[in-house]
Protein backbone atom coordinates (compact mmCIF):
# COMPACT_ATOMS: atom_id res chain seq x y z
CA UNK A 1 37.93 -4.96 16.10
CA UNK A 2 35.32 -4.27 13.38
CA UNK A 3 34.49 -0.88 14.88
CA UNK A 4 38.20 -0.03 15.11
CA UNK A 5 38.66 -0.79 11.40
CA UNK A 6 35.66 1.39 10.47
CA UNK A 7 36.90 4.29 12.61
CA UNK A 8 40.37 3.99 11.08
CA UNK A 9 38.93 4.19 7.56
CA UNK A 10 36.88 7.23 8.55
CA UNK A 11 39.96 8.98 9.98
CA UNK A 12 41.98 8.36 6.81
CA UNK A 13 39.17 9.60 4.54
CA UNK A 14 38.69 12.74 6.63
CA UNK A 15 42.41 13.50 6.51
CA UNK A 16 42.50 13.11 2.72
CA UNK A 17 39.32 15.14 2.24
CA UNK A 18 40.44 18.09 4.34
CA UNK A 19 43.93 18.11 2.88
CA UNK A 20 42.50 18.17 -0.65
CA UNK A 21 39.94 20.83 0.20
CA UNK A 22 42.00 23.12 2.38
CA UNK A 23 42.50 25.63 -0.44
CA UNK A 24 39.03 25.35 -1.99
CA UNK A 25 35.66 26.77 -1.06
CA UNK A 26 33.34 24.44 0.80
CA UNK A 27 29.88 23.88 -0.68
CA UNK A 28 26.80 22.73 1.21
CA UNK A 29 23.63 20.95 0.18
CA UNK A 30 20.43 19.80 1.87
CA UNK A 31 17.84 17.41 0.56
CA UNK A 32 15.46 14.52 1.08
CA UNK A 33 15.65 10.81 0.35
CA UNK A 34 13.03 8.10 -0.05
CA UNK A 35 13.04 4.58 -1.39
CA UNK A 36 12.85 0.89 -0.62
CA UNK A 37 14.99 -1.39 1.51
CA UNK A 38 15.21 -5.03 0.43
CA UNK A 39 16.09 -6.24 3.90
CA UNK A 40 17.44 -9.53 5.18
CA UNK A 41 19.26 -10.88 8.23
CA UNK A 42 21.86 -13.49 9.06
CA UNK A 43 21.42 -15.76 12.09
CA UNK A 44 24.04 -17.91 13.79
CA UNK A 45 23.01 -20.54 14.67
CA UNK A 46 20.25 -20.76 12.07
CA UNK A 47 16.66 -20.54 13.27
CA UNK A 48 15.48 -23.78 11.61
CA UNK A 49 18.58 -25.83 10.69
CA UNK A 50 18.20 -28.84 8.40
CA UNK A 51 14.49 -28.23 7.86
CA UNK A 52 13.74 -28.13 4.10
CA UNK A 53 10.13 -27.10 4.79
CA UNK A 54 11.23 -23.74 6.23
CA UNK A 55 12.43 -21.07 3.81
CA UNK A 56 14.14 -17.88 4.96
CA UNK A 57 13.33 -14.74 3.00
CA UNK A 58 13.67 -11.02 3.27
CA UNK A 59 11.30 -8.09 3.63
CA UNK A 60 10.66 -5.20 1.23
CA UNK A 61 10.17 -2.05 3.28
CA UNK A 62 9.77 1.71 2.93
CA UNK A 63 12.43 4.17 3.99
CA UNK A 64 12.63 7.98 4.04
CA UNK A 65 14.65 10.79 5.54
CA UNK A 66 16.83 13.83 5.08
CA UNK A 67 20.36 14.39 3.81
CA UNK A 68 23.05 17.05 4.24
CA UNK A 69 26.06 17.22 1.91
CA UNK A 70 29.41 18.96 2.23
CA UNK A 71 31.72 19.23 -0.79
CA UNK A 72 35.39 19.66 0.06
CA UNK A 73 36.46 19.80 -3.59
CA UNK A 74 34.80 19.22 -6.96
CA UNK A 75 35.61 15.53 -6.59
CA UNK A 76 35.39 14.80 -2.86
CA UNK A 77 32.63 15.30 -0.34
CA UNK A 78 30.73 13.83 2.58
CA UNK A 79 27.05 13.24 3.30
CA UNK A 80 25.20 12.85 6.57
CA UNK A 81 21.80 11.11 6.37
CA UNK A 82 19.01 10.77 8.89
CA UNK A 83 16.75 7.90 7.77
CA UNK A 84 13.81 5.90 9.04
CA UNK A 85 14.38 2.35 7.79
CA UNK A 86 12.41 -0.87 8.14
CA UNK A 87 14.45 -4.07 8.44
CA UNK A 88 14.04 -7.75 9.30
CA UNK A 89 13.55 -11.22 7.88
CA UNK A 90 10.75 -13.76 7.34
CA UNK A 91 10.59 -17.54 7.69
CA UNK A 92 7.83 -19.38 5.82
CA UNK A 93 6.73 -23.02 6.12
CA UNK A 94 6.01 -24.26 2.61
CA UNK A 95 3.44 -26.89 3.66
CA UNK A 96 0.82 -24.47 5.05
CA UNK A 97 2.36 -20.97 4.60
CA UNK A 98 2.75 -20.50 8.36
CA UNK A 99 5.34 -17.80 8.99
CA UNK A 100 7.51 -16.10 11.58
CA UNK A 101 8.60 -12.55 10.83
CA UNK A 102 11.32 -10.58 12.60
CA UNK A 103 10.25 -6.94 12.26
CA UNK A 104 12.69 -4.12 12.99
CA UNK A 105 12.59 -0.36 12.55
CA UNK A 106 15.63 1.85 12.98
CA UNK A 107 16.67 5.47 12.92
CA UNK A 108 19.78 5.18 10.78
CA UNK A 109 22.57 7.79 10.67
CA UNK A 110 25.13 7.08 7.91
CA UNK A 111 28.25 9.20 7.39
CA UNK A 112 29.18 8.66 3.75
CA UNK A 113 32.34 9.80 1.98
CA UNK A 114 31.62 10.55 -1.69
CA UNK A 115 33.71 10.70 -4.84
CA UNK A 116 32.02 12.57 -7.70
CA UNK A 117 32.90 12.27 -11.36
CA UNK A 118 32.42 14.51 -14.43
CA UNK A 119 31.52 18.20 -14.26
CA UNK A 120 28.38 18.53 -16.39
CA UNK A 121 24.69 18.34 -15.51
CA UNK A 122 24.97 14.59 -14.87
CA UNK A 123 27.38 13.68 -12.09
CA UNK A 124 27.94 9.99 -11.21
CA UNK A 125 29.27 9.30 -7.73
CA UNK A 126 30.40 6.50 -5.43
CA UNK A 127 30.34 6.43 -1.64
CA UNK A 128 31.34 4.42 1.42
CA UNK A 129 31.06 4.97 5.14
CA UNK A 130 29.92 3.75 8.55
CA UNK A 131 26.39 3.98 9.89
CA UNK A 132 24.83 3.99 13.34
CA UNK A 133 21.34 2.50 13.62
CA UNK A 134 19.19 3.18 16.68
CA UNK A 135 16.59 0.45 17.17
CA UNK A 136 13.13 1.99 17.48
CA UNK A 137 11.07 -1.21 17.55
CA UNK A 138 11.59 -4.95 17.31
CA UNK A 139 9.04 -7.75 17.30
CA UNK A 140 8.55 -11.37 16.32
CA UNK A 141 5.21 -12.07 14.62
CA UNK A 142 4.07 -15.70 14.21
CA UNK A 143 1.15 -16.44 11.87
CA UNK A 144 -0.28 -19.97 11.69
CA UNK A 145 -3.44 -20.61 9.63
CA UNK A 146 -6.46 -21.06 11.90
CA UNK A 147 -4.70 -19.68 14.99
CA UNK A 148 -4.45 -16.19 16.52
CA UNK A 149 -1.46 -14.09 15.47
CA UNK A 150 1.30 -13.99 18.10
CA UNK A 151 3.14 -10.66 18.30
CA UNK A 152 6.06 -10.61 20.76
CA UNK A 153 7.89 -7.41 21.57
CA UNK A 154 11.61 -8.20 21.42
CA UNK A 155 12.68 -4.94 23.09
CA UNK A 156 10.55 -4.92 26.22
CA UNK A 157 8.95 -8.34 26.66
CA UNK A 158 8.55 -9.70 30.25
CA UNK A 159 11.30 -12.27 29.73
CA UNK A 160 13.86 -9.62 28.93
CA UNK A 161 15.00 -7.74 25.85
CA UNK A 162 16.31 -9.82 22.94
CA UNK A 163 17.34 -6.99 20.63
CA UNK A 164 19.97 -4.37 21.43
CA UNK A 165 19.55 -0.66 20.95
CA UNK A 166 22.47 -0.04 18.55
CA UNK A 167 23.17 -1.47 15.10
CA UNK A 168 26.53 -0.55 13.54
CA UNK A 169 26.95 -1.18 9.81
CA UNK A 170 29.04 -0.34 6.75
CA UNK A 171 27.33 1.17 3.71
CA UNK A 172 28.66 1.47 0.16
CA UNK A 173 27.26 2.03 -3.31
CA UNK A 174 26.87 4.57 -6.08
CA UNK A 175 24.49 6.62 -8.15
CA UNK A 176 24.11 9.75 -10.22
CA UNK A 177 22.74 13.26 -9.78
CA UNK A 178 21.10 15.31 -12.55
CA UNK A 179 21.29 19.08 -12.06
CA UNK A 180 18.01 20.60 -13.20
CA UNK A 181 19.35 24.04 -12.26
CA UNK A 182 22.83 25.05 -11.04
CA UNK A 183 21.54 24.81 -7.46
CA UNK A 184 19.01 21.94 -7.53
CA UNK A 185 19.44 18.37 -8.63
CA UNK A 186 17.61 15.05 -8.46
CA UNK A 187 19.42 11.78 -7.86
CA UNK A 188 19.07 8.04 -7.71
CA UNK A 189 21.47 5.67 -6.02
CA UNK A 190 21.79 2.14 -4.73
CA UNK A 191 23.59 1.03 -1.61
CA UNK A 192 24.37 -2.18 0.24
CA UNK A 193 24.22 -2.24 4.03
CA UNK A 194 26.45 -4.75 5.81
CA UNK A 195 25.62 -5.14 9.49
CA UNK A 196 28.72 -5.38 11.70
CA UNK A 197 27.29 -5.62 15.22
CA UNK A 198 25.30 -8.38 16.89
CA UNK A 199 21.75 -7.19 17.46
CA UNK A 200 20.87 -10.09 19.74
CA UNK A 201 21.05 -9.16 23.40
CA UNK A 202 20.55 -11.82 26.07
CA UNK A 203 21.86 -9.77 29.01
CA UNK A 204 18.37 -9.07 30.39
CA UNK A 205 16.78 -12.46 29.67
CA UNK A 206 15.69 -14.35 32.75
CA UNK A 207 17.44 -17.72 32.77
CA UNK A 208 15.93 -20.71 34.56
CA UNK A 209 18.51 -22.45 36.82
CA UNK A 210 19.97 -25.42 35.00
CA UNK A 211 18.84 -24.15 31.61
CA UNK A 212 21.52 -23.95 28.93
CA UNK A 213 21.81 -20.56 27.23
CA UNK A 214 22.75 -20.69 23.54
CA UNK A 215 24.76 -17.74 22.27
CA UNK A 216 23.22 -16.19 19.16
CA UNK A 217 24.28 -13.68 16.52
CA UNK A 218 21.79 -11.57 14.57
CA UNK A 219 23.10 -9.20 11.89
CA UNK A 220 21.16 -7.02 9.47
CA UNK A 221 21.64 -6.80 5.72
CA UNK A 222 20.01 -4.58 3.13
CA UNK A 223 19.99 -3.54 -0.51
CA UNK A 224 18.53 -0.03 -0.85
CA UNK A 225 17.27 1.89 -3.87
CA UNK A 226 16.78 5.59 -3.15
CA UNK A 227 15.49 8.65 -4.98
CA UNK A 228 15.71 12.23 -3.83
CA UNK A 229 16.47 15.86 -4.41
CA UNK A 230 19.35 18.05 -3.26
CA UNK A 231 19.44 21.85 -3.01
CA UNK A 232 22.99 23.17 -3.21
CA UNK A 233 23.42 26.32 -1.14
């Protein structure tokens, strides 16, 4: 149902964009993006319920990639990104600082529909759109003082994969571009990433007869701050 809603929004935005831009000249742009992802995750059920000694936190991670922009009109456009993004969450025990960290890396492909404002050298904009994340790596790292670090691969461990290969999300935010020349601009924007799909995958886990399997839901979250440059062809 969530994917159907996202696809419906995309179809409506595409229809509006092309109808508005049918009589105007299309403009293209290519550029690069880099920044930080303040990542977090939601778990259902919780990892450590009713344990005040365990605190769940996020991870601050690097991200970088490329961007391609298509302007339908002076006000409406679309952007396709190709980004390497680190994600995950961290649980810390306050008594001795022991921790368990869920580490994820994804190749993320957002399709963002943009509305630009003003016509001068500074152009604010807002955007929204769906994103497909391809899971590149996933691990659970446990660190307890005085003990060896335990690093478990969640994609290809002997007991079966626990993390799926696809992560669908919705991204939205805004920013501004400053045109240094008529064809080149620098920009900064912020975006929030709302994970829609369940990353947890228990289909390949080996279940012991008589053992109860608990259904779990893992979803990613993220607040991104990005800088970059765009060359308008």
